[in-house]
Amino acid sequence: MKKLATAVVIGVFSLFLTGCYDVLSVVTVNKNGEKVVHNYISLIDGTVYDATVRLKNWQDTEQLKDDDFSSEDLLFTIVSKKENIVVLGTTEYAMEIKFFDGGYKYTAFMSADGLLEAFK
């Protein structure tokens, strides 16, 4: 019976992963100077075309007023000026925002560790 339950959980997890779009890996350094890799799996993405949108580039992300991404909880904020991309992340989730003329594309990611815990 335990083998059957394990097979079902693996099957459901596999189906879930096939619906995911992307994997995000971010390398940071902890307090001891050791490299730490954070892995995230995409859950939601979207593209917004809006000439009136207030976010025009990576410098405008400070306008984001979101309790989920309070500066106290952030593990990292990565800014690529060349590609006009911002990546924000906590231990539980991350968000990547790519800016372009007339809008932006965002992808929300959930921590791979958190996802594994959910399926245990």
PDB file of N, CA and C in Angstrom:
ATOM      1  N   MET A   1       0.821  -1.194   0.000  1.00  0.00           N
ATOM      2  CA  MET A   1       0.000   0.000   0.000  1.00  0.00           C
ATOM      3  C   MET A   1       0.866   1.259   0.000  1.00  0.00           C
ATOM      4  N   LYS A   2       1.976   1.213   0.750  1.00  0.00           N
ATOM      5  CA  LYS A   2       2.860   2.376   0.815  1.00  0.00           C
ATOM      6  C   LYS A   2       3.499   2.653  -0.541  1.00  0.00           C
ATOM      7  N   LYS A   3       3.836   1.575  -1.276  1.00  0.00           N
ATOM      8  CA  LYS A   3       4.412   1.748  -2.609  1.00  0.00           C
ATOM      9  C   LYS A   3       3.410   2.388  -3.563  1.00  0.00           C
ATOM     10  N   LEU A   4       2.157   2.010  -3.433  1.00  0.00           N
ATOM     11  CA  LEU A   4       1.116   2.592  -4.281  1.00  0.00           C
ATOM     12  C   LEU A   4       0.940   4.079  -3.974  1.00  0.00           C
ATOM     13  N   ALA A   5       0.936   4.429  -2.695  1.00  0.00           N
ATOM     14  CA  ALA A   5       0.805   5.842  -2.314  1.00  0.00           C
ATOM     15  C   ALA A   5       1.988   6.653  -2.826  1.00  0.00           C
ATOM     16  N   THR A   6       3.181   6.092  -2.728  1.00  0.00           N
ATOM     17  CA  THR A   6       4.373   6.769  -3.230  1.00  0.00           C
ATOM     18  C   THR A   6       4.286   6.958  -4.740  1.00  0.00           C
ATOM     19  N   ALA A   7       3.825   5.943  -5.452  1.00  0.00           N
ATOM     20  CA  ALA A   7       3.693   6.027  -6.908  1.00  0.00           C
ATOM     21  C   ALA A   7       2.670   7.097  -7.301  1.00  0.00           C
ATOM     22  N   VAL A   8       1.575   7.175  -6.556  1.00  0.00           N
ATOM     23  CA  VAL A   8       0.554   8.188  -6.838  1.00  0.00           C
ATOM     24  C   VAL A   8       1.105   9.587  -6.609  1.00  0.00           C
ATOM     25  N   VAL A   9       1.818   9.780  -5.503  1.00  0.00           N
ATOM     26  CA  VAL A   9       2.399  11.088  -5.200  1.00  0.00           C
ATOM     27  C   VAL A   9       3.405  11.480  -6.284  1.00  0.00           C
ATOM     28  N   ILE A  10       4.247  10.550  -6.702  1.00  0.00           N
ATOM     29  CA  ILE A  10       5.225  10.837  -7.757  1.00  0.00           C
ATOM     30  C   ILE A  10       4.514  11.159  -9.064  1.00  0.00           C
ATOM     31  N   GLY A  11       3.453  10.444  -9.367  1.00  0.00           N
ATOM     32  CA  GLY A  11       2.687  10.705 -10.588  1.00  0.00           C
ATOM     33  C   GLY A  11       2.057  12.083 -10.583  1.00  0.00           C
ATOM     34  N   VAL A  12       1.442  12.456  -9.468  1.00  0.00           N
ATOM     35  CA  VAL A  12       0.821  13.783  -9.363  1.00  0.00           C
ATOM     36  C   VAL A  12       1.889  14.865  -9.438  1.00  0.00           C
ATOM     37  N   PHE A  13       3.001  14.661  -8.771  1.00  0.00           N
ATOM     38  CA  PHE A  13       4.095  15.630  -8.806  1.00  0.00           C
ATOM     39  C   PHE A  13       4.634  15.785 -10.229  1.00  0.00           C
ATOM     40  N   SER A  14       4.772  14.680 -10.952  1.00  0.00           N
ATOM     41  CA  SER A  14       5.254  14.725 -12.337  1.00  0.00           C
ATOM     42  C   SER A  14       4.285  15.493 -13.230  1.00  0.00           C
ATOM     43  N   LEU A  15       2.993  15.245 -13.057  1.00  0.00           N
ATOM     44  CA  LEU A  15       2.000  15.987 -13.838  1.00  0.00           C
ATOM     45  C   LEU A  15       2.057  17.473 -13.535  1.00  0.00           C
ATOM     46  N   PHE A  16       2.254  17.794 -12.257  1.00  0.00           N
ATOM     47  CA  PHE A  16       2.358  19.205 -11.872  1.00  0.00           C
ATOM     48  C   PHE A  16       3.558  19.861 -12.545  1.00  0.00           C
ATOM     49  N   LEU A  17       4.695  19.165 -12.528  1.00  0.00           N
ATOM     50  CA  LEU A  17       5.915  19.735 -13.112  1.00  0.00           C
ATOM     51  C   LEU A  17       5.804  19.904 -14.619  1.00  0.00           C
ATOM     52  N   THR A  18       5.056  19.052 -15.295  1.00  0.00           N
ATOM     53  CA  THR A  18       4.912  19.216 -16.744  1.00  0.00           C
ATOM     54  C   THR A  18       4.122  20.473 -17.075  1.00  0.00           C
ATOM     55  N   GLY A  19       3.322  20.954 -16.143  1.00  0.00           N
ATOM     56  CA  GLY A  19       2.580  22.193 -16.353  1.00  0.00           C
ATOM     57  C   GLY A  19       3.388  23.430 -16.018  1.00  0.00           C
ATOM     58  N   CYS A  20       4.561  23.266 -15.428  1.00  0.00           N
ATOM     59  CA  CYS A  20       5.405  24.404 -15.067  1.00  0.00           C
ATOM     60  C   CYS A  20       6.179  24.873 -16.293  1.00  0.00           C
ATOM     61  N   TYR A  21       6.406  26.139 -16.349  1.00  0.00           N
ATOM     62  CA  TYR A  21       7.053  26.721 -17.510  1.00  0.00           C
ATOM     63  C   TYR A  21       8.565  26.767 -17.398  1.00  0.00           C
ATOM     64  N   ASP A  22       9.065  27.056 -16.237  1.00  0.00           N
ATOM     65  CA  ASP A  22      10.471  27.402 -16.147  1.00  0.00           C
ATOM     66  C   ASP A  22      11.010  27.103 -14.762  1.00  0.00           C
ATOM     67  N   VAL A  23      12.310  26.984 -14.671  1.00  0.00           N
ATOM     68  CA  VAL A  23      12.996  26.820 -13.390  1.00  0.00           C
ATOM     69  C   VAL A  23      13.951  27.999 -13.243  1.00  0.00           C
ATOM     70  N   LEU A  24      13.979  28.581 -12.063  1.00  0.00           N
ATOM     71  CA  LEU A  24      14.858  29.708 -11.761  1.00  0.00           C
ATOM     72  C   LEU A  24      15.833  29.274 -10.685  1.00  0.00           C
ATOM     73  N   SER A  25      17.112  29.426 -10.934  1.00  0.00           N
ATOM     74  CA  SER A  25      18.141  29.142  -9.935  1.00  0.00           C
ATOM     75  C   SER A  25      18.913  30.424  -9.686  1.00  0.00           C
ATOM     76  N   VAL A  26      19.066  30.769  -8.413  1.00  0.00           N
ATOM     77  CA  VAL A  26      19.790  31.981  -8.028  1.00  0.00           C
ATOM     78  C   VAL A  26      20.869  31.582  -7.038  1.00  0.00           C
ATOM     79  N   VAL A  27      22.089  32.019  -7.300  1.00  0.00           N
ATOM     80  CA  VAL A  27      23.209  31.728  -6.414  1.00  0.00           C
ATOM     81  C   VAL A  27      23.476  32.973  -5.571  1.00  0.00           C
ATOM     82  N   THR A  28      23.469  32.799  -4.252  1.00  0.00           N
ATOM     83  CA  THR A  28      23.791  33.893  -3.331  1.00  0.00           C
ATOM     84  C   THR A  28      24.901  33.426  -2.394  1.00  0.00           C
ATOM     85  N   VAL A  29      25.305  34.289  -1.513  1.00  0.00           N
ATOM     86  CA  VAL A  29      26.345  33.959  -0.528  1.00  0.00           C
ATOM     87  C   VAL A  29      25.746  34.153   0.859  1.00  0.00           C
ATOM     88  N   ASN A  30      25.946  33.169   1.741  1.00  0.00           N
ATOM     89  CA  ASN A  30      25.424  33.294   3.106  1.00  0.00           C
ATOM     90  C   ASN A  30      26.382  34.093   3.976  1.00  0.00           C
ATOM     91  N   LYS A  31      26.079  34.212   5.264  1.00  0.00           N
ATOM     92  CA  LYS A  31      26.891  35.017   6.183  1.00  0.00           C
ATOM     93  C   LYS A  31      28.309  34.480   6.349  1.00  0.00           C
ATOM     94  N   ASN A  32      28.485  33.176   6.106  1.00  0.00           N
ATOM     95  CA  ASN A  32      29.807  32.557   6.224  1.00  0.00           C
ATOM     96  C   ASN A  32      30.612  32.649   4.932  1.00  0.00           C
ATOM     97  N   GLY A  33      30.048  33.291   3.912  1.00  0.00           N
ATOM     98  CA  GLY A  33      30.741  33.424   2.640  1.00  0.00           C
ATOM     99  C   GLY A  33      30.602  32.219   1.732  1.00  0.00           C
ATOM    100  N   GLU A  34      29.729  31.276   2.092  1.00  0.00           N
ATOM    101  CA  GLU A  34      29.528  30.076   1.285  1.00  0.00           C
ATOM    102  C   GLU A  34      28.422  30.317   0.263  1.00  0.00           C
ATOM    103  N   LYS A  35      28.589  29.737  -0.923  1.00  0.00           N
ATOM    104  CA  LYS A  35      27.567  29.867  -1.957  1.00  0.00           C
ATOM    105  C   LYS A  35      26.337  29.055  -1.577  1.00  0.00           C
ATOM    106  N   VAL A  36      25.178  29.647  -1.825  1.00  0.00           N
ATOM    107  CA  VAL A  36      23.901  28.979  -1.575  1.00  0.00           C
ATOM    108  C   VAL A  36      23.088  29.081  -2.856  1.00  0.00           C
ATOM    109  N   VAL A  37      22.524  27.961  -3.298  1.00  0.00           N
ATOM    110  CA  VAL A  37      21.705  27.957  -4.506  1.00  0.00           C
ATOM    111  C   VAL A  37      20.241  27.860  -4.102  1.00  0.00           C
ATOM    112  N   HIS A  38      19.445  28.799  -4.599  1.00  0.00           N
ATOM    113  CA  HIS A  38      17.999  28.800  -4.370  1.00  0.00           C
ATOM    114  C   HIS A  38      17.335  28.381  -5.672  1.00  0.00           C
ATOM    115  N   ASN A  39      16.515  27.329  -5.624  1.00  0.00           N
ATOM    116  CA  ASN A  39      15.828  26.846  -6.809  1.00  0.00           C
ATOM    117  C   ASN A  39      14.334  27.116  -6.687  1.00  0.00           C
ATOM    118  N   TYR A  40      13.750  27.610  -7.767  1.00  0.00           N
ATOM    119  CA  TYR A  40      12.332  27.951  -7.802  1.00  0.00           C
ATOM    120  C   TYR A  40      11.711  27.369  -9.063  1.00  0.00           C
ATOM    121  N   ILE A  41      10.426  27.046  -8.984  1.00  0.00           N
ATOM    122  CA  ILE A  41       9.682  26.510 -10.120  1.00  0.00           C
ATOM    123  C   ILE A  41       8.552  27.469 -10.433  1.00  0.00           C
ATOM    124  N   SER A  42       8.402  27.803 -11.726  1.00  0.00           N
ATOM    125  CA  SER A  42       7.403  28.801 -12.109  1.00  0.00           C
ATOM    126  C   SER A  42       5.985  28.276 -11.931  1.00  0.00           C
ATOM    127  N   LEU A  43       5.122  29.153 -11.503  1.00  0.00           N
ATOM    128  CA  LEU A  43       3.713  28.825 -11.319  1.00  0.00           C
ATOM    129  C   LEU A  43       2.815  29.687 -12.202  1.00  0.00           C
ATOM    130  N   ILE A  44       3.124  30.958 -12.276  1.00  0.00           N
ATOM    131  CA  ILE A  44       2.272  31.906 -12.991  1.00  0.00           C
ATOM    132  C   ILE A  44       3.170  32.807 -13.828  1.00  0.00           C
ATOM    133  N   ASP A  45       2.747  33.067 -15.050  1.00  0.00           N
ATOM    134  CA  ASP A  45       3.458  34.093 -15.808  1.00  0.00           C
ATOM    135  C   ASP A  45       2.451  34.848 -16.656  1.00  0.00           C
ATOM    136  N   GLY A  46       2.859  36.003 -17.080  1.00  0.00           N
ATOM    137  CA  GLY A  46       1.967  36.820 -17.890  1.00  0.00           C
ATOM    138  C   GLY A  46       2.720  37.970 -18.509  1.00  0.00           C
ATOM    139  N   THR A  47       2.149  38.486 -19.575  1.00  0.00           N
ATOM    140  CA  THR A  47       2.711  39.652 -20.247  1.00  0.00           C
ATOM    141  C   THR A  47       1.666  40.751 -20.228  1.00  0.00           C
ATOM    142  N   VAL A  48       2.083  41.935 -19.859  1.00  0.00           N
ATOM    143  CA  VAL A  48       1.176  43.079 -19.777  1.00  0.00           C
ATOM    144  C   VAL A  48       1.620  44.122 -20.789  1.00  0.00           C
ATOM    145  N   TYR A  49       0.754  44.417 -21.747  1.00  0.00           N
ATOM    146  CA  TYR A  49       0.997  45.505 -22.696  1.00  0.00           C
ATOM    147  C   TYR A  49       0.130  46.668 -22.257  1.00  0.00           C
ATOM    148  N   ASP A  50       0.751  47.717 -21.786  1.00  0.00           N
ATOM    149  CA  ASP A  50      -0.016  48.832 -21.242  1.00  0.00           C
ATOM    150  C   ASP A  50       0.815  50.105 -21.342  1.00  0.00           C
ATOM    151  N   ALA A  51       0.375  51.009 -22.187  1.00  0.00           N
ATOM    152  CA  ALA A  51       1.107  52.266 -22.361  1.00  0.00           C
ATOM    153  C   ALA A  51       0.999  53.147 -21.131  1.00  0.00           C
ATOM    154  N   THR A  52       0.023  52.889 -20.268  1.00  0.00           N
ATOM    155  CA  THR A  52      -0.164  53.719 -19.078  1.00  0.00           C
ATOM    156  C   THR A  52       0.486  53.112 -17.842  1.00  0.00           C
ATOM    157  N   VAL A  53       1.091  51.945 -17.985  1.00  0.00           N
ATOM    158  CA  VAL A  53       1.652  51.269 -16.819  1.00  0.00           C
ATOM    159  C   VAL A  53       2.734  52.147 -16.186  1.00  0.00           C
ATOM    160  N   ARG A  54       2.763  52.148 -14.872  1.00  0.00           N
ATOM    161  CA  ARG A  54       3.716  53.032 -14.191  1.00  0.00           C
ATOM    162  C   ARG A  54       5.107  52.426 -14.107  1.00  0.00           C
ATOM    163  N   LEU A  55       5.215  51.112 -14.312  1.00  0.00           N
ATOM    164  CA  LEU A  55       6.529  50.475 -14.299  1.00  0.00           C
ATOM    165  C   LEU A  55       7.083  50.460 -15.717  1.00  0.00           C
ATOM    166  N   LYS A  56       8.058  51.290 -15.975  1.00  0.00           N
ATOM    167  CA  LYS A  56       8.635  51.381 -17.313  1.00  0.00           C
ATOM    168  C   LYS A  56       9.999  50.702 -17.405  1.00  0.00           C
ATOM    169  N   ASN A  57      10.685  50.575 -16.279  1.00  0.00           N
ATOM    170  CA  ASN A  57      11.984  49.912 -16.288  1.00  0.00           C
ATOM    171  C   ASN A  57      12.332  49.444 -14.881  1.00  0.00           C
ATOM    172  N   TRP A  58      13.486  48.843 -14.743  1.00  0.00           N
ATOM    173  CA  TRP A  58      13.884  48.241 -13.474  1.00  0.00           C
ATOM    174  C   TRP A  58      13.985  49.263 -12.349  1.00  0.00           C
ATOM    175  N   GLN A  59      14.234  50.533 -12.667  1.00  0.00           N
ATOM    176  CA  GLN A  59      14.362  51.551 -11.626  1.00  0.00           C
ATOM    177  C   GLN A  59      13.025  51.848 -10.951  1.00  0.00           C
ATOM    178  N   ASP A  60      11.931  51.545 -11.617  1.00  0.00           N
ATOM    179  CA  ASP A  60      10.600  51.833 -11.079  1.00  0.00           C
ATOM    180  C   ASP A  60      10.085  50.754 -10.130  1.00  0.00           C
ATOM    181  N   THR A  61      10.816  49.668  -9.954  1.00  0.00           N
ATOM    182  CA  THR A  61      10.308  48.585  -9.109  1.00  0.00           C
ATOM    183  C   THR A  61      10.194  48.979  -7.651  1.00  0.00           C
ATOM    184  N   GLU A  62      10.863  50.042  -7.245  1.00  0.00           N
ATOM    185  CA  GLU A  62      10.719  50.496  -5.858  1.00  0.00           C
ATOM    186  C   GLU A  62       9.295  50.981  -5.599  1.00  0.00           C
ATOM    187  N   GLN A  63       8.523  51.214  -6.664  1.00  0.00           N
ATOM    188  CA  GLN A  63       7.129  51.623  -6.503  1.00  0.00           C
ATOM    189  C   GLN A  63       6.232  50.457  -6.110  1.00  0.00           C
ATOM    190  N   LEU A  64       6.744  49.238  -6.239  1.00  0.00           N
ATOM    191  CA  LEU A  64       5.932  48.069  -5.895  1.00  0.00           C
ATOM    192  C   LEU A  64       5.616  48.088  -4.403  1.00  0.00           C
ATOM    193  N   LYS A  65       4.367  48.089  -4.068  1.00  0.00           N
ATOM    194  CA  LYS A  65       3.930  48.066  -2.673  1.00  0.00           C
ATOM    195  C   LYS A  65       3.246  46.726  -2.431  1.00  0.00           C
ATOM    196  N   ASP A  66       4.034  45.732  -2.083  1.00  0.00           N
ATOM    197  CA  ASP A  66       3.515  44.383  -1.916  1.00  0.00           C
ATOM    198  C   ASP A  66       4.025  43.827  -0.593  1.00  0.00           C
ATOM    199  N   ASP A  67       3.102  43.418   0.281  1.00  0.00           N
ATOM    200  CA  ASP A  67       3.500  42.866   1.575  1.00  0.00           C
ATOM    201  C   ASP A  67       4.306  41.586   1.424  1.00  0.00           C
ATOM    202  N   ASP A  68       4.040  40.831   0.334  1.00  0.00           N
ATOM    203  CA  ASP A  68       4.759  39.582   0.123  1.00  0.00           C
ATOM    204  C   ASP A  68       6.237  39.811  -0.146  1.00  0.00           C
ATOM    205  N   PHE A  69       6.579  40.972  -0.691  1.00  0.00           N
ATOM    206  CA  PHE A  69       7.964  41.271  -1.010  1.00  0.00           C
ATOM    207  C   PHE A  69       8.479  42.436  -0.185  1.00  0.00           C
ATOM    208  N   SER A  70       8.248  42.408   1.101  1.00  0.00           N
ATOM    209  CA  SER A  70       8.789  43.471   1.945  1.00  0.00           C
ATOM    210  C   SER A  70      10.308  43.356   1.956  1.00  0.00           C
ATOM    211  N   SER A  71      10.975  44.472   2.048  1.00  0.00           N
ATOM    212  CA  SER A  71      12.443  44.474   1.970  1.00  0.00           C
ATOM    213  C   SER A  71      13.079  43.686   3.108  1.00  0.00           C
ATOM    214  N   GLU A  72      12.370  43.512   4.209  1.00  0.00           N
ATOM    215  CA  GLU A  72      12.909  42.757   5.340  1.00  0.00           C
ATOM    216  C   GLU A  72      13.000  41.267   5.036  1.00  0.00           C
ATOM    217  N   ASP A  73      12.079  40.759   4.209  1.00  0.00           N
ATOM    218  CA  ASP A  73      12.034  39.334   3.912  1.00  0.00           C
ATOM    219  C   ASP A  73      12.865  38.937   2.693  1.00  0.00           C
ATOM    220  N   LEU A  74      13.290  39.889   1.906  1.00  0.00           N
ATOM    221  CA  LEU A  74      13.993  39.568   0.675  1.00  0.00           C
ATOM    222  C   LEU A  74      15.360  38.962   0.952  1.00  0.00           C
ATOM    223  N   LEU A  75      15.638  37.855   0.282  1.00  0.00           N
ATOM    224  CA  LEU A  75      16.978  37.258   0.324  1.00  0.00           C
ATOM    225  C   LEU A  75      17.875  37.949  -0.683  1.00  0.00           C
ATOM    226  N   PHE A  76      17.291  38.322  -1.810  1.00  0.00           N
ATOM    227  CA  PHE A  76      18.088  38.932  -2.867  1.00  0.00           C
ATOM    228  C   PHE A  76      17.220  39.804  -3.762  1.00  0.00           C
ATOM    229  N   THR A  77      17.853  40.787  -4.351  1.00  0.00           N
ATOM    230  CA  THR A  77      17.283  41.595  -5.423  1.00  0.00           C
ATOM    231  C   THR A  77      18.378  41.697  -6.468  1.00  0.00           C
ATOM    232  N   ILE A  78      18.110  41.167  -7.634  1.00  0.00           N
ATOM    233  CA  ILE A  78      19.100  41.170  -8.705  1.00  0.00           C
ATOM    234  C   ILE A  78      18.580  42.064  -9.824  1.00  0.00           C
ATOM    235  N   VAL A  79      19.412  42.994 -10.259  1.00  0.00           N
ATOM    236  CA  VAL A  79      19.028  43.928 -11.310  1.00  0.00           C
ATOM    237  C   VAL A  79      19.989  43.762 -12.481  1.00  0.00           C
ATOM    238  N   SER A  80      19.440  43.509 -13.642  1.00  0.00           N
ATOM    239  CA  SER A  80      20.236  43.472 -14.865  1.00  0.00           C
ATOM    240  C   SER A  80      19.833  44.678 -15.703  1.00  0.00           C
ATOM    241  N   LYS A  81      20.658  45.718 -15.650  1.00  0.00           N
ATOM    242  CA  LYS A  81      20.350  46.942 -16.392  1.00  0.00           C
ATOM    243  C   LYS A  81      20.403  46.694 -17.891  1.00  0.00           C
ATOM    244  N   LYS A  82      21.326  45.856 -18.318  1.00  0.00           N
ATOM    245  CA  LYS A  82      21.502  45.586 -19.747  1.00  0.00           C
ATOM    246  C   LYS A  82      20.262  44.929 -20.347  1.00  0.00           C
ATOM    247  N   GLU A  83      19.690  43.963 -19.636  1.00  0.00           N
ATOM    248  CA  GLU A  83      18.517  43.240 -20.140  1.00  0.00           C
ATOM    249  C   GLU A  83      17.205  43.801 -19.602  1.00  0.00           C
ATOM    250  N   ASN A  84      17.292  44.791 -18.703  1.00  0.00           N
ATOM    251  CA  ASN A  84      16.112  45.420 -18.115  1.00  0.00           C
ATOM    252  C   ASN A  84      15.243  44.397 -17.364  1.00  0.00           C
ATOM    253  N   ILE A  85      15.893  43.642 -16.489  1.00  0.00           N
ATOM    254  CA  ILE A  85      15.243  42.580 -15.716  1.00  0.00           C
ATOM    255  C   ILE A  85      15.500  42.807 -14.230  1.00  0.00           C
ATOM    256  N   VAL A  86      14.487  42.511 -13.412  1.00  0.00           N
ATOM    257  CA  VAL A  86      14.630  42.523 -11.959  1.00  0.00           C
ATOM    258  C   VAL A  86      14.156  41.164 -11.435  1.00  0.00           C
ATOM    259  N   VAL A  87      14.915  40.588 -10.513  1.00  0.00           N
ATOM    260  CA  VAL A  87      14.517  39.343  -9.853  1.00  0.00           C
ATOM    261  C   VAL A  87      14.519  39.603  -8.354  1.00  0.00           C
ATOM    262  N   LEU A  88      13.374  39.349  -7.713  1.00  0.00           N
ATOM    263  CA  LEU A  88      13.223  39.505  -6.264  1.00  0.00           C
ATOM    264  C   LEU A  88      12.938  38.135  -5.680  1.00  0.00           C
ATOM    265  N   GLY A  89      13.491  37.826  -4.506  1.00  0.00           N
ATOM    266  CA  GLY A  89      13.231  36.510  -3.961  1.00  0.00           C
ATOM    267  C   GLY A  89      13.302  36.425  -2.457  1.00  0.00           C
ATOM    268  N   THR A  90      12.474  35.546  -1.920  1.00  0.00           N
ATOM    269  CA  THR A  90      12.506  35.172  -0.507  1.00  0.00           C
ATOM    270  C   THR A  90      12.779  33.679  -0.446  1.00  0.00           C
ATOM    271  N   THR A  91      12.746  33.112   0.746  1.00  0.00           N
ATOM    272  CA  THR A  91      12.948  31.664   0.852  1.00  0.00           C
ATOM    273  C   THR A  91      11.783  30.892   0.248  1.00  0.00           C
ATOM    274  N   GLU A  92      10.597  31.506   0.167  1.00  0.00           N
ATOM    275  CA  GLU A  92       9.406  30.804  -0.300  1.00  0.00           C
ATOM    276  C   GLU A  92       9.080  31.026  -1.771  1.00  0.00           C
ATOM    277  N   TYR A  93       9.395  32.195  -2.297  1.00  0.00           N
ATOM    278  CA  TYR A  93       9.036  32.480  -3.681  1.00  0.00           C
ATOM    279  C   TYR A  93       9.936  33.555  -4.271  1.00  0.00           C
ATOM    280  N   ALA A  94       9.839  33.685  -5.591  1.00  0.00           N
ATOM    281  CA  ALA A  94      10.620  34.694  -6.303  1.00  0.00           C
ATOM    282  C   ALA A  94       9.769  35.243  -7.438  1.00  0.00           C
ATOM    283  N   MET A  95      10.140  36.416  -7.920  1.00  0.00           N
ATOM    284  CA  MET A  95       9.455  37.005  -9.060  1.00  0.00           C
ATOM    285  C   MET A  95      10.490  37.611  -9.990  1.00  0.00           C
ATOM    286  N   GLU A  96      10.313  37.341 -11.275  1.00  0.00           N
ATOM    287  CA  GLU A  96      11.173  37.911 -12.303  1.00  0.00           C
ATOM    288  C   GLU A  96      10.316  38.838 -13.154  1.00  0.00           C
ATOM    289  N   ILE A  97      10.789  40.062 -13.355  1.00  0.00           N
ATOM    290  CA  ILE A  97      10.060  41.042 -14.160  1.00  0.00           C
ATOM    291  C   ILE A  97      10.992  41.509 -15.276  1.00  0.00           C
ATOM    292  N   LYS A  98      10.541  41.342 -16.528  1.00  0.00           N
ATOM    293  CA  LYS A  98      11.296  41.777 -17.703  1.00  0.00           C
ATOM    294  C   LYS A  98      10.542  42.942 -18.327  1.00  0.00           C
ATOM    295  N   PHE A  99      11.202  44.057 -18.459  1.00  0.00           N
ATOM    296  CA  PHE A  99      10.566  45.260 -19.000  1.00  0.00           C
ATOM    297  C   PHE A  99      10.890  45.419 -20.472  1.00  0.00           C
ATOM    298  N   PHE A 100       9.915  45.924 -21.236  1.00  0.00           N
ATOM    299  CA  PHE A 100      10.122  46.245 -22.642  1.00  0.00           C
ATOM    300  C   PHE A 100       9.222  47.425 -22.986  1.00  0.00           C
ATOM    301  N   ASP A 101       9.445  48.028 -24.150  1.00  0.00           N
ATOM    302  CA  ASP A 101       8.623  49.169 -24.558  1.00  0.00           C
ATOM    303  C   ASP A 101       7.163  48.770 -24.602  1.00  0.00           C
ATOM    304  N   GLY A 102       6.341  49.466 -23.850  1.00  0.00           N
ATOM    305  CA  GLY A 102       4.911  49.213 -23.855  1.00  0.00           C
ATOM    306  C   GLY A 102       4.436  48.191 -22.853  1.00  0.00           C
ATOM    307  N   GLY A 103       5.305  47.727 -21.975  1.00  0.00           N
ATOM    308  CA  GLY A 103       4.821  46.784 -20.977  1.00  0.00           C
ATOM    309  C   GLY A 103       5.922  46.004 -20.282  1.00  0.00           C
ATOM    310  N   TYR A 104       5.507  44.878 -19.696  1.00  0.00           N
ATOM    311  CA  TYR A 104       6.455  44.031 -18.977  1.00  0.00           C
ATOM    312  C   TYR A 104       5.934  42.608 -18.943  1.00  0.00           C
ATOM    313  N   LYS A 105       6.829  41.665 -18.715  1.00  0.00           N
ATOM    314  CA  LYS A 105       6.480  40.258 -18.557  1.00  0.00           C
ATOM    315  C   LYS A 105       6.923  39.844 -17.159  1.00  0.00           C
ATOM    316  N   TYR A 106       6.072  39.145 -16.456  1.00  0.00           N
ATOM    317  CA  TYR A 106       6.429  38.703 -15.116  1.00  0.00           C
ATOM    318  C   TYR A 106       6.260  37.193 -15.009  1.00  0.00           C
ATOM    319  N   THR A 107       7.061  36.602 -14.151  1.00  0.00           N
ATOM    320  CA  THR A 107       6.932  35.183 -13.831  1.00  0.00           C
ATOM    321  C   THR A 107       7.059  35.040 -12.329  1.00  0.00           C
ATOM    322  N   ALA A 108       6.102  34.364 -11.720  1.00  0.00           N
ATOM    323  CA  ALA A 108       6.131  34.093 -10.280  1.00  0.00           C
ATOM    324  C   ALA A 108       6.602  32.656 -10.075  1.00  0.00           C
ATOM    325  N   PHE A 109       7.517  32.482  -9.152  1.00  0.00           N
ATOM    326  CA  PHE A 109       8.111  31.180  -8.880  1.00  0.00           C
ATOM    327  C   PHE A 109       7.873  30.783  -7.423  1.00  0.00           C
ATOM    328  N   MET A 110       7.707  29.484  -7.194  1.00  0.00           N
ATOM    329  CA  MET A 110       7.611  28.941  -5.837  1.00  0.00           C
ATOM    330  C   MET A 110       8.892  28.179  -5.553  1.00  0.00           C
ATOM    331  N   SER A 111       9.346  28.231  -4.327  1.00  0.00           N
ATOM    332  CA  SER A 111      10.546  27.521  -3.938  1.00  0.00           C
ATOM    333  C   SER A 111      10.392  26.029  -4.214  1.00  0.00           C
ATOM    334  N   ALA A 112      11.417  25.440  -4.832  1.00  0.00           N
ATOM    335  CA  ALA A 112      11.384  24.000  -5.105  1.00  0.00           C
ATOM    336  C   ALA A 112      11.323  23.213  -3.799  1.00  0.00           C
ATOM    337  N   ASP A 113      12.019  23.696  -2.772  1.00  0.00           N
ATOM    338  CA  ASP A 113      11.984  23.014  -1.467  1.00  0.00           C
ATOM    339  C   ASP A 113      10.580  23.039  -0.887  1.00  0.00           C
ATOM    340  N   GLY A 114       9.914  24.181  -0.984  1.00  0.00           N
ATOM    341  CA  GLY A 114       8.539  24.294  -0.488  1.00  0.00           C
ATOM    342  C   GLY A 114       7.591  23.407  -1.255  1.00  0.00           C
ATOM    343  N   LEU A 115       7.820  23.297  -2.543  1.00  0.00           N
ATOM    344  CA  LEU A 115       6.976  22.447  -3.386  1.00  0.00           C
ATOM    345  C   LEU A 115       7.164  20.971  -3.012  1.00  0.00           C
ATOM    346  N   LEU A 116       8.392  20.571  -2.768  1.00  0.00           N
ATOM    347  CA  LEU A 116       8.650  19.195  -2.348  1.00  0.00           C
ATOM    348  C   LEU A 116       7.985  18.907  -1.011  1.00  0.00           C
ATOM    349  N   GLU A 117       8.028  19.872  -0.090  1.00  0.00           N
ATOM    350  CA  GLU A 117       7.374  19.686   1.214  1.00  0.00           C
ATOM    351  C   GLU A 117       5.868  19.535   1.056  1.00  0.00           C
ATOM    352  N   ALA A 118       5.283  20.255   0.118  1.00  0.00           N
ATOM    353  CA  ALA A 118       3.842  20.183  -0.097  1.00  0.00           C
ATOM    354  C   ALA A 118       3.396  18.814  -0.589  1.00  0.00           C
ATOM    355  N   PHE A 119       4.282  18.119  -1.307  1.00  0.00           N
ATOM    356  CA  PHE A 119       3.924  16.815  -1.859  1.00  0.00           C
ATOM    357  C   PHE A 119       4.388  15.646  -1.005  1.00  0.00           C
ATOM    358  N   LYS A 120       4.921  15.908   0.178  1.00  0.00           N
ATOM    359  CA  LYS A 120       5.345  14.804   1.065  1.00  0.00           C
ATOM    360  C   LYS A 120       4.150  14.201   1.747  1.00  0.00           C
TER     361      LYS A 120
END
